[in-house]
Structures are given as C-alpha cells and as structure tokens.
Amino acid sequence: MPIRTVVWGENVHEQHNQIVADTYPKGMHECIAEALNEDPDINATTATLQDPEHGLTEERLRETDVLLWWGHAAHGDVSDEVVDRVCDAVWSGMGMLFLHSAHFAKPFKRLMGGPCNLTWREAGERERLWVTSRNHPITKGLPDSFELEMEEMYGEPFGVPEPLETVFISWFQGGEVFRSGLTYKRGAGSIFYFRPGHETYPTYYNDHVRQVLKNGVKWAFNPMDRLADPNAAPNVPVDAAPEKIEERGPKLHAEGEEGYR
C-alpha cells in the first residue's frame, strides 16, 4: 500500500505574487505533490490554508501517514485547534516534513519547543548542500553535494534543539552556513526539516530536491499503528503494579480520582 501523504501549502504567495504564480502555476503544494507521486510507493494529495479546517480534519489526519508543511506569510492565520491536531498526530506516530520557512510555523515551533529563529537574506545566491551523513536513507541516490543556482540564504545560529541527526549542511555564496537537513523524534513520530524552497525560485523542480523529499517521506513513515491518545497519563493502582508492593504513606487522590498529570 502506498504511503498516504498530504502536502500542506499556505497558498498565499501564489495568489498575490505574479513571480510565484508564474513559477508554480498550480501552486507550490501541487508541484511538491507531483514530485512525490513520481514514486509509486507514495500517494500524495494536497491541502491548503484556505480549505475548511485548513484541509486537516481529524479524519484526514488519521488517514495520513506523512504530512509535509510549507508556510511563510500567514503562520499566524493557522488555527490553534488544527495545530493541536497536527502535533497530536505526530506524537501518535504520523511522520512530518517541515519545508523552508515552515521553521516558523506554529506546529514546528510547538514540536521543537524553541524560538526556531535564524538569519536570512533574499539575494538569489548560489547554495551548495553537503551530505553530512553518508548512507542515510534520506540521502539515497544523491551525490556528496549538489548546487542550487538561486536560493534564499538561511544562516546560523538556528534556534532549534540539538537534532537526532544532521543530514545536510548548506554553504551560501555570501559565506554563511546552515544546518539544512535535521531529523527529530517527537513521541512516536519522526520529523525531518529540509531548508531549500524559497517561493520565487524554481527549487521544487530540481531533481535532487525532489529526491530528498521522496526519501524524506519514506524515512518518516511509521508502519505501526498510531497511539490511541498520546496525551494519556493514566494512574496505575497499587494492585496493578507489575511487582507486588504495599501502599505506604498519605496520598493526594482517592483511588480512581482524576489527577493533574
């Protein structure tokens, strides 16, 4: 069965900027989905900010194996209720890819627990991405490095927690470097942040970038059943302890009473 993938796009620049509309006539989200659907092991559909519930209802998220997220101009317009759903889905075992300026998206900042800030410059400069973890599944089919002729610069320091793995490091023509491919585990879910993808440049038509996205989806996919409730914190009664114990000392809650955990 193909990996059920949803590409979420903010879909704002495409409607208000002619350069972006000309570069991605169907929208960036559709271009990314088309790239993923080149792989028979992936079945990618799309959702946008403008859809009811941003296209991410509870039912759709239950049926999503991996979610990709691209946002930039309208992070604040994303419903907190949808953010809660997305984070719960990740903690339950859904895979997640955050792309480019999604470093400032509400779900990413929630899952990272940090400011996720960085330095940047929009100058259309050359970027070289170096593979820093050879034989990593996300780097399958890639050379040791590849170039993007025009991209927006992101520079260190990057205000995220120390990653599980650093898969790519970028060098920019202006001299800056950036950790451009980072992996994380959050609950039962796997997260991959991938930096390239500025809206005014044709980055998502690049064959190497498209390969990274396909590899990233396969890496993030978790074939196991989702956790029913990743926020559950049940009390374990004394008589249900794995080893026999005797109750000692006072306790705050009566047996079966709801606690604060």
C-alpha atoms as a PDB file:
ATOM      1  CA  MET A   1       0.000   0.000   0.000  1.00  0.00           C
ATOM      2  CA  PRO A   2       1.461   3.424  -0.934  1.00  0.00           C
ATOM      3  CA  ILE A   3       2.428   5.843   1.827  1.00  0.00           C
ATOM      4  CA  ARG A   4      -0.561   8.146   2.313  1.00  0.00           C
ATOM      5  CA  THR A   5       0.963  11.614   2.140  1.00  0.00           C
ATOM      6  CA  VAL A   6      -0.548  15.099   2.376  1.00  0.00           C
ATOM      7  CA  VAL A   7       1.297  18.205   1.192  1.00  0.00           C
ATOM      8  CA  TRP A   8       0.016  21.226   3.106  1.00  0.00           C
ATOM      9  CA  GLY A   9       0.617  24.568   1.413  1.00  0.00           C
ATOM     10  CA  GLU A  10      -0.109  28.042   2.702  1.00  0.00           C
ATOM     11  CA  ASN A  11      -1.075  29.005  -0.872  1.00  0.00           C
ATOM     12  CA  VAL A  12      -0.843  32.760  -0.274  1.00  0.00           C
ATOM     13  CA  HIS A  13       2.130  33.906  -2.370  1.00  0.00           C
ATOM     14  CA  GLU A  14       0.766  32.044  -5.398  1.00  0.00           C
ATOM     15  CA  GLN A  15      -2.377  34.182  -5.270  1.00  0.00           C
ATOM     16  CA  HIS A  16      -0.731  37.561  -4.656  1.00  0.00           C
ATOM     17  CA  ASN A  17       2.687  37.478  -6.320  1.00  0.00           C
ATOM     18  CA  GLN A  18       2.969  37.111 -10.088  1.00  0.00           C
ATOM     19  CA  ILE A  19       6.522  35.758  -9.948  1.00  0.00           C
ATOM     20  CA  VAL A  20       5.429  32.937  -7.665  1.00  0.00           C
ATOM     21  CA  ALA A  21       2.290  32.316  -9.733  1.00  0.00           C
ATOM     22  CA  ASP A  22       4.376  32.053 -12.897  1.00  0.00           C
ATOM     23  CA  THR A  23       6.930  29.780 -11.252  1.00  0.00           C
ATOM     24  CA  TYR A  24       4.319  27.491  -9.690  1.00  0.00           C
ATOM     25  CA  PRO A  25       1.120  27.843 -11.795  1.00  0.00           C
ATOM     26  CA  LYS A  26      -0.682  25.104  -9.855  1.00  0.00           C
ATOM     27  CA  GLY A  27       0.736  26.175  -6.512  1.00  0.00           C
ATOM     28  CA  MET A  28       3.861  25.051  -4.705  1.00  0.00           C
ATOM     29  CA  HIS A  29       1.921  22.341  -2.888  1.00  0.00           C
ATOM     30  CA  GLU A  30       0.812  20.782  -6.177  1.00  0.00           C
ATOM     31  CA  CYS A  31       4.365  20.868  -7.544  1.00  0.00           C
ATOM     32  CA  ILE A  32       5.642  19.061  -4.437  1.00  0.00           C
ATOM     33  CA  ALA A  33       2.807  16.516  -4.611  1.00  0.00           C
ATOM     34  CA  GLU A  34       3.578  15.869  -8.282  1.00  0.00           C
ATOM     35  CA  ALA A  35       7.213  15.203  -7.360  1.00  0.00           C
ATOM     36  CA  LEU A  36       6.206  12.737  -4.665  1.00  0.00           C
ATOM     37  CA  ASN A  37       3.732  10.972  -6.952  1.00  0.00           C
ATOM     38  CA  GLU A  38       6.589  10.147  -9.323  1.00  0.00           C
ATOM     39  CA  ASP A  39       7.356   7.415  -6.795  1.00  0.00           C
ATOM     40  CA  PRO A  40       4.871   4.508  -6.938  1.00  0.00           C
ATOM     41  CA  ASP A  41       5.385   3.902  -3.210  1.00  0.00           C
ATOM     42  CA  ILE A  42       3.870   7.321  -2.360  1.00  0.00           C
ATOM     43  CA  ASN A  43       0.312   8.590  -2.842  1.00  0.00           C
ATOM     44  CA  ALA A  44       0.354  12.369  -2.296  1.00  0.00           C
ATOM     45  CA  THR A  45      -2.642  14.700  -2.087  1.00  0.00           C
ATOM     46  CA  THR A  46      -2.782  18.359  -1.068  1.00  0.00           C
ATOM     47  CA  ALA A  47      -4.414  20.692   1.446  1.00  0.00           C
ATOM     48  CA  THR A  48      -4.213  24.460   1.864  1.00  0.00           C
ATOM     49  CA  LEU A  49      -4.743  27.171   4.431  1.00  0.00           C
ATOM     50  CA  GLN A  50      -7.912  28.258   2.623  1.00  0.00           C
ATOM     51  CA  ASP A  51      -9.644  24.859   2.871  1.00  0.00           C
ATOM     52  CA  PRO A  52     -12.214  24.287   5.640  1.00  0.00           C
ATOM     53  CA  GLU A  53     -10.227  23.400   8.773  1.00  0.00           C
ATOM     54  CA  HIS A  54      -7.150  24.035   6.572  1.00  0.00           C
ATOM     55  CA  GLY A  55      -7.848  20.691   4.920  1.00  0.00           C
ATOM     56  CA  LEU A  56      -6.646  18.870   8.039  1.00  0.00           C
ATOM     57  CA  THR A  57      -9.706  17.424   9.718  1.00  0.00           C
ATOM     58  CA  GLU A  58      -9.300  14.808  12.436  1.00  0.00           C
ATOM     59  CA  GLU A  59     -10.423  12.121   9.993  1.00  0.00           C
ATOM     60  CA  ARG A  60      -7.936  13.158   7.306  1.00  0.00           C
ATOM     61  CA  LEU A  61      -5.042  13.258   9.756  1.00  0.00           C
ATOM     62  CA  ARG A  62      -5.959   9.773  10.987  1.00  0.00           C
ATOM     63  CA  GLU A  63      -5.587   8.593   7.391  1.00  0.00           C
ATOM     64  CA  THR A  64      -2.302  10.443   6.767  1.00  0.00           C
ATOM     65  CA  ASP A  65       0.985   8.578   7.148  1.00  0.00           C
ATOM     66  CA  VAL A  66       3.232  11.579   6.429  1.00  0.00           C
ATOM     67  CA  LEU A  67       2.402  15.295   6.346  1.00  0.00           C
ATOM     68  CA  LEU A  68       4.555  17.918   4.586  1.00  0.00           C
ATOM     69  CA  TRP A  69       4.183  21.582   5.604  1.00  0.00           C
ATOM     70  CA  TRP A  70       5.154  24.739   3.691  1.00  0.00           C
ATOM     71  CA  GLY A  71       4.214  28.119   5.149  1.00  0.00           C
ATOM     72  CA  HIS A  72       5.630  31.646   5.226  1.00  0.00           C
ATOM     73  CA  ALA A  73       3.380  34.727   5.089  1.00  0.00           C
ATOM     74  CA  ALA A  74       0.439  33.532   7.162  1.00  0.00           C
ATOM     75  CA  HIS A  75       1.781  31.459  10.062  1.00  0.00           C
ATOM     76  CA  GLY A  76      -0.474  33.382  12.437  1.00  0.00           C
ATOM     77  CA  ASP A  77      -3.596  32.529  10.420  1.00  0.00           C
ATOM     78  CA  VAL A  78      -3.291  28.824  11.167  1.00  0.00           C
ATOM     79  CA  SER A  79      -5.934  27.724  13.664  1.00  0.00           C
ATOM     80  CA  ASP A  80      -4.592  26.661  17.058  1.00  0.00           C
ATOM     81  CA  GLU A  81      -7.100  23.810  17.020  1.00  0.00           C
ATOM     82  CA  VAL A  82      -5.532  22.463  13.831  1.00  0.00           C
ATOM     83  CA  VAL A  83      -2.052  22.920  15.321  1.00  0.00           C
ATOM     84  CA  ASP A  84      -3.139  20.795  18.297  1.00  0.00           C
ATOM     85  CA  ARG A  85      -4.395  18.098  15.918  1.00  0.00           C
ATOM     86  CA  VAL A  86      -1.193  18.055  13.899  1.00  0.00           C
ATOM     87  CA  CYS A  87       1.031  17.824  16.976  1.00  0.00           C
ATOM     88  CA  ASP A  88      -1.138  15.077  18.470  1.00  0.00           C
ATOM     89  CA  ALA A  89      -0.879  13.167  15.183  1.00  0.00           C
ATOM     90  CA  VAL A  90       2.926  13.443  15.246  1.00  0.00           C
ATOM     91  CA  TRP A  91       3.136  12.361  18.882  1.00  0.00           C
ATOM     92  CA  SER A  92       0.872   9.445  17.942  1.00  0.00           C
ATOM     93  CA  GLY A  93       3.187   8.284  15.145  1.00  0.00           C
ATOM     94  CA  MET A  94       2.499  10.346  11.997  1.00  0.00           C
ATOM     95  CA  GLY A  95       5.619  11.356  10.049  1.00  0.00           C
ATOM     96  CA  MET A  96       6.205  15.055   9.356  1.00  0.00           C
ATOM     97  CA  LEU A  97       8.359  17.100   6.972  1.00  0.00           C
ATOM     98  CA  PHE A  98       8.734  20.847   7.503  1.00  0.00           C
ATOM     99  CA  LEU A  99       9.984  22.746   4.451  1.00  0.00           C
ATOM    100  CA  HIS A 100      11.937  26.005   4.198  1.00  0.00           C
ATOM    101  CA  SER A 101      10.129  28.849   6.024  1.00  0.00           C
ATOM    102  CA  ALA A 102       7.996  26.360   7.919  1.00  0.00           C
ATOM    103  CA  HIS A 103      10.740  26.732  10.540  1.00  0.00           C
ATOM    104  CA  PHE A 104       8.466  29.477  11.904  1.00  0.00           C
ATOM    105  CA  ALA A 105       5.219  27.508  11.524  1.00  0.00           C
ATOM    106  CA  LYS A 106       3.180  27.021  14.681  1.00  0.00           C
ATOM    107  CA  PRO A 107       3.402  23.200  14.646  1.00  0.00           C
ATOM    108  CA  PHE A 108       7.185  23.252  14.177  1.00  0.00           C
ATOM    109  CA  LYS A 109       7.747  25.738  16.992  1.00  0.00           C
ATOM    110  CA  ARG A 110       5.449  23.710  19.259  1.00  0.00           C
ATOM    111  CA  LEU A 111       7.235  20.449  18.484  1.00  0.00           C
ATOM    112  CA  MET A 112      10.699  21.998  18.804  1.00  0.00           C
ATOM    113  CA  GLY A 113       9.939  23.947  21.980  1.00  0.00           C
ATOM    114  CA  GLY A 114      12.266  26.757  20.896  1.00  0.00           C
ATOM    115  CA  PRO A 115      12.326  30.085  19.028  1.00  0.00           C
ATOM    116  CA  CYS A 116      13.442  28.459  15.721  1.00  0.00           C
ATOM    117  CA  ASN A 117      14.994  31.773  14.670  1.00  0.00           C
ATOM    118  CA  LEU A 118      17.797  32.270  12.149  1.00  0.00           C
ATOM    119  CA  THR A 119      19.447  34.868   9.920  1.00  0.00           C
ATOM    120  CA  TRP A 120      18.371  35.309   6.298  1.00  0.00           C
ATOM    121  CA  ARG A 121      18.972  37.209   3.073  1.00  0.00           C
ATOM    122  CA  GLU A 122      16.944  37.172  -0.165  1.00  0.00           C
ATOM    123  CA  ALA A 123      19.577  37.734  -2.842  1.00  0.00           C
ATOM    124  CA  GLY A 124      19.217  34.801  -5.213  1.00  0.00           C
ATOM    125  CA  GLU A 125      22.650  33.454  -4.333  1.00  0.00           C
ATOM    126  CA  ARG A 126      24.111  30.049  -5.002  1.00  0.00           C
ATOM    127  CA  GLU A 127      23.653  27.351  -2.344  1.00  0.00           C
ATOM    128  CA  ARG A 128      25.650  24.149  -2.082  1.00  0.00           C
ATOM    129  CA  LEU A 129      24.181  21.405   0.084  1.00  0.00           C
ATOM    130  CA  TRP A 130      26.642  18.891   1.508  1.00  0.00           C
ATOM    131  CA  VAL A 131      25.635  15.424   2.661  1.00  0.00           C
ATOM    132  CA  THR A 132      26.892  15.040   6.236  1.00  0.00           C
ATOM    133  CA  SER A 133      25.510  11.562   6.906  1.00  0.00           C
ATOM    134  CA  ARG A 134      26.504   9.166   4.135  1.00  0.00           C
ATOM    135  CA  ASN A 135      24.245   6.156   3.576  1.00  0.00           C
ATOM    136  CA  HIS A 136      21.421   7.842   5.491  1.00  0.00           C
ATOM    137  CA  PRO A 137      18.068   6.828   3.921  1.00  0.00           C
ATOM    138  CA  ILE A 138      17.263  10.490   3.189  1.00  0.00           C
ATOM    139  CA  THR A 139      20.432  10.800   1.061  1.00  0.00           C
ATOM    140  CA  LYS A 140      19.758   7.757  -1.124  1.00  0.00           C
ATOM    141  CA  GLY A 141      20.625   8.457  -4.776  1.00  0.00           C
ATOM    142  CA  LEU A 142      22.361  11.773  -4.050  1.00  0.00           C
ATOM    143  CA  PRO A 143      25.936  12.870  -4.734  1.00  0.00           C
ATOM    144  CA  ASP A 144      28.132  14.091  -1.871  1.00  0.00           C
ATOM    145  CA  SER A 145      26.937  17.623  -2.639  1.00  0.00           C
ATOM    146  CA  PHE A 146      24.676  19.461  -5.056  1.00  0.00           C
ATOM    147  CA  GLU A 147      24.050  23.076  -6.026  1.00  0.00           C
ATOM    148  CA  LEU A 148      21.004  25.289  -6.283  1.00  0.00           C
ATOM    149  CA  GLU A 149      21.859  28.236  -8.508  1.00  0.00           C
ATOM    150  CA  MET A 150      19.453  30.645  -6.774  1.00  0.00           C
ATOM    151  CA  GLU A 151      18.133  30.406  -3.230  1.00  0.00           C
ATOM    152  CA  GLU A 152      17.361  32.490  -0.177  1.00  0.00           C
ATOM    153  CA  MET A 153      20.109  32.386   2.428  1.00  0.00           C
ATOM    154  CA  TYR A 154      19.410  30.991   5.876  1.00  0.00           C
ATOM    155  CA  GLY A 155      22.289  31.326   8.326  1.00  0.00           C
ATOM    156  CA  GLU A 156      23.318  30.048  11.729  1.00  0.00           C
ATOM    157  CA  PRO A 157      22.695  30.185  14.578  1.00  0.00           C
ATOM    158  CA  PHE A 158      19.454  28.218  14.133  1.00  0.00           C
ATOM    159  CA  GLY A 159      17.344  28.312  17.304  1.00  0.00           C
ATOM    160  CA  VAL A 160      16.290  24.665  17.408  1.00  0.00           C
ATOM    161  CA  PRO A 161      17.125  21.843  19.824  1.00  0.00           C
ATOM    162  CA  GLU A 162      20.078  19.616  19.038  1.00  0.00           C
ATOM    163  CA  PRO A 163      18.792  17.250  16.327  1.00  0.00           C
ATOM    164  CA  LEU A 164      18.821  13.498  16.299  1.00  0.00           C
ATOM    165  CA  GLU A 165      20.880  13.710  13.091  1.00  0.00           C
ATOM    166  CA  THR A 166      22.245  16.422  10.812  1.00  0.00           C
ATOM    167  CA  VAL A 167      21.814  15.128   7.262  1.00  0.00           C
ATOM    168  CA  PHE A 168      22.730  18.228   5.220  1.00  0.00           C
ATOM    169  CA  ILE A 169      24.759  21.396   5.737  1.00  0.00           C
ATOM    170  CA  SER A 170      24.454  24.302   3.298  1.00  0.00           C
ATOM    171  CA  TRP A 171      27.082  26.796   2.214  1.00  0.00           C
ATOM    172  CA  PHE A 172      25.928  30.035   0.602  1.00  0.00           C
ATOM    173  CA  GLN A 173      27.701  32.304  -1.857  1.00  0.00           C
ATOM    174  CA  GLY A 174      27.772  35.088   0.748  1.00  0.00           C
ATOM    175  CA  GLY A 175      29.740  32.865   3.132  1.00  0.00           C
ATOM    176  CA  GLU A 176      27.121  31.698   5.619  1.00  0.00           C
ATOM    177  CA  VAL A 177      26.454  28.053   6.509  1.00  0.00           C
ATOM    178  CA  PHE A 178      23.277  26.411   7.773  1.00  0.00           C
ATOM    179  CA  ARG A 179      22.137  23.006   9.040  1.00  0.00           C
ATOM    180  CA  SER A 180      19.718  22.352   6.193  1.00  0.00           C
ATOM    181  CA  GLY A 181      18.543  18.821   6.934  1.00  0.00           C
ATOM    182  CA  LEU A 182      17.686  17.866  10.507  1.00  0.00           C
ATOM    183  CA  THR A 183      15.854  14.872  11.957  1.00  0.00           C
ATOM    184  CA  TYR A 184      13.965  14.601  15.231  1.00  0.00           C
ATOM    185  CA  LYS A 185      11.821  12.134  17.164  1.00  0.00           C
ATOM    186  CA  ARG A 186       8.803  13.551  18.940  1.00  0.00           C
ATOM    187  CA  GLY A 187       6.717  10.966  20.757  1.00  0.00           C
ATOM    188  CA  ALA A 188       6.161   8.137  18.280  1.00  0.00           C
ATOM    189  CA  GLY A 189       6.595  10.428  15.265  1.00  0.00           C
ATOM    190  CA  SER A 190       9.629  11.186  13.088  1.00  0.00           C
ATOM    191  CA  ILE A 191      10.290  14.751  11.855  1.00  0.00           C
ATOM    192  CA  PHE A 192      12.553  15.967   9.042  1.00  0.00           C
ATOM    193  CA  TYR A 193      13.276  19.650   8.493  1.00  0.00           C
ATOM    194  CA  PHE A 194      14.583  20.486   4.986  1.00  0.00           C
ATOM    195  CA  ARG A 195      15.671  24.059   4.272  1.00  0.00           C
ATOM    196  CA  PRO A 196      15.538  24.789   0.477  1.00  0.00           C
ATOM    197  CA  GLY A 197      12.315  26.055  -1.094  1.00  0.00           C
ATOM    198  CA  HIS A 198      12.041  29.843  -1.399  1.00  0.00           C
ATOM    199  CA  GLU A 199       8.871  30.694  -3.293  1.00  0.00           C
ATOM    200  CA  THR A 200      10.339  32.923  -6.034  1.00  0.00           C
ATOM    201  CA  TYR A 201      12.869  30.320  -7.200  1.00  0.00           C
ATOM    202  CA  PRO A 202      12.175  27.008  -9.024  1.00  0.00           C
ATOM    203  CA  THR A 203      13.704  24.907  -6.235  1.00  0.00           C
ATOM    204  CA  TYR A 204      10.986  22.239  -6.192  1.00  0.00           C
ATOM    205  CA  TYR A 205      11.681  21.393  -9.836  1.00  0.00           C
ATOM    206  CA  ASN A 206      15.267  20.423  -9.002  1.00  0.00           C
ATOM    207  CA  ASP A 207      15.779  16.665  -9.335  1.00  0.00           C
ATOM    208  CA  HIS A 208      17.967  16.384  -6.228  1.00  0.00           C
ATOM    209  CA  VAL A 209      15.488  18.330  -4.101  1.00  0.00           C
ATOM    210  CA  ARG A 210      12.660  16.134  -5.359  1.00  0.00           C
ATOM    211  CA  GLN A 211      14.695  13.041  -4.473  1.00  0.00           C
ATOM    212  CA  VAL A 212      15.256  14.340  -0.946  1.00  0.00           C
ATOM    213  CA  LEU A 213      11.510  14.863  -0.496  1.00  0.00           C
ATOM    214  CA  LYS A 214      10.707  11.322  -1.653  1.00  0.00           C
ATOM    215  CA  ASN A 215      13.412   9.886   0.569  1.00  0.00           C
ATOM    216  CA  GLY A 216      12.230  12.011   3.483  1.00  0.00           C
ATOM    217  CA  VAL A 217       8.664  10.731   3.201  1.00  0.00           C
ATOM    218  CA  LYS A 218       9.864   7.129   3.208  1.00  0.00           C
ATOM    219  CA  TRP A 219      12.144   7.781   6.177  1.00  0.00           C
ATOM    220  CA  ALA A 220       9.399   9.485   8.215  1.00  0.00           C
ATOM    221  CA  PHE A 221       6.784   6.793   7.501  1.00  0.00           C
ATOM    222  CA  ASN A 222       5.906   4.670  10.525  1.00  0.00           C
ATOM    223  CA  PRO A 223       4.077   1.447   9.556  1.00  0.00           C
ATOM    224  CA  MET A 224       2.968   0.727  13.122  1.00  0.00           C
ATOM    225  CA  ASP A 225      -0.488   1.575  14.453  1.00  0.00           C
ATOM    226  CA  ARG A 226      -0.910   5.056  15.907  1.00  0.00           C
ATOM    227  CA  LEU A 227      -1.085   5.575  19.643  1.00  0.00           C
ATOM    228  CA  ALA A 228      -4.728   5.973  20.626  1.00  0.00           C
ATOM    229  CA  ASP A 229      -4.081   9.008  22.853  1.00  0.00           C
ATOM    230  CA  PRO A 230      -0.537  10.410  23.062  1.00  0.00           C
ATOM    231  CA  ASN A 231      -1.595  12.713  25.924  1.00  0.00           C
ATOM    232  CA  ALA A 232      -2.940   9.962  28.189  1.00  0.00           C
ATOM    233  CA  ALA A 233      -1.348   9.815  31.641  1.00  0.00           C
ATOM    234  CA  PRO A 234      -3.292   7.072  33.477  1.00  0.00           C
ATOM    235  CA  ASN A 235      -2.962   6.259  37.158  1.00  0.00           C
ATOM    236  CA  VAL A 236      -1.710   2.723  37.878  1.00  0.00           C
ATOM    237  CA  PRO A 237      -3.392   1.334  41.009  1.00  0.00           C
ATOM    238  CA  VAL A 238      -1.290  -0.443  43.599  1.00  0.00           C
ATOM    239  CA  ASP A 239      -2.817  -3.820  42.775  1.00  0.00           C
ATOM    240  CA  ALA A 240      -1.973  -3.338  39.082  1.00  0.00           C
ATOM    241  CA  ALA A 241       1.767  -2.719  39.620  1.00  0.00           C
ATOM    242  CA  PRO A 242       3.982  -5.215  37.732  1.00  0.00           C
ATOM    243  CA  GLU A 243       5.654  -6.176  41.032  1.00  0.00           C
ATOM    244  CA  LYS A 244       3.773  -6.633  44.294  1.00  0.00           C
ATOM    245  CA  ILE A 245       4.015  -3.593  46.576  1.00  0.00           C
ATOM    246  CA  GLU A 246       2.365  -2.334  49.737  1.00  0.00           C
ATOM    247  CA  GLU A 247       0.848   1.096  49.870  1.00  0.00           C
ATOM    248  CA  ARG A 248       2.650   3.409  52.291  1.00  0.00           C
ATOM    249  CA  GLY A 249       2.170   6.994  53.325  1.00  0.00           C
ATOM    250  CA  PRO A 250      -0.589   9.505  52.619  1.00  0.00           C
ATOM    251  CA  LYS A 251      -1.759  10.226  49.082  1.00  0.00           C
ATOM    252  CA  LEU A 252      -3.374  13.221  47.439  1.00  0.00           C
ATOM    253  CA  HIS A 253      -6.072  11.440  45.423  1.00  0.00           C
ATOM    254  CA  ALA A 254      -8.616   8.792  46.301  1.00  0.00           C
ATOM    255  CA  GLU A 255      -8.488   5.595  44.228  1.00  0.00           C
ATOM    256  CA  GLY A 256      -9.823   6.295  40.746  1.00  0.00           C
ATOM    257  CA  GLU A 257      -9.921  10.061  41.250  1.00  0.00           C
ATOM    258  CA  GLU A 258      -8.746  12.246  38.387  1.00  0.00           C
ATOM    259  CA  GLY A 259      -5.310  13.772  38.989  1.00  0.00           C
ATOM    260  CA  TYR A 260      -3.330  16.568  37.431  1.00  0.00           C
ATOM    261  CA  ARG A 261      -0.862  14.550  35.373  1.00  0.00           C
END
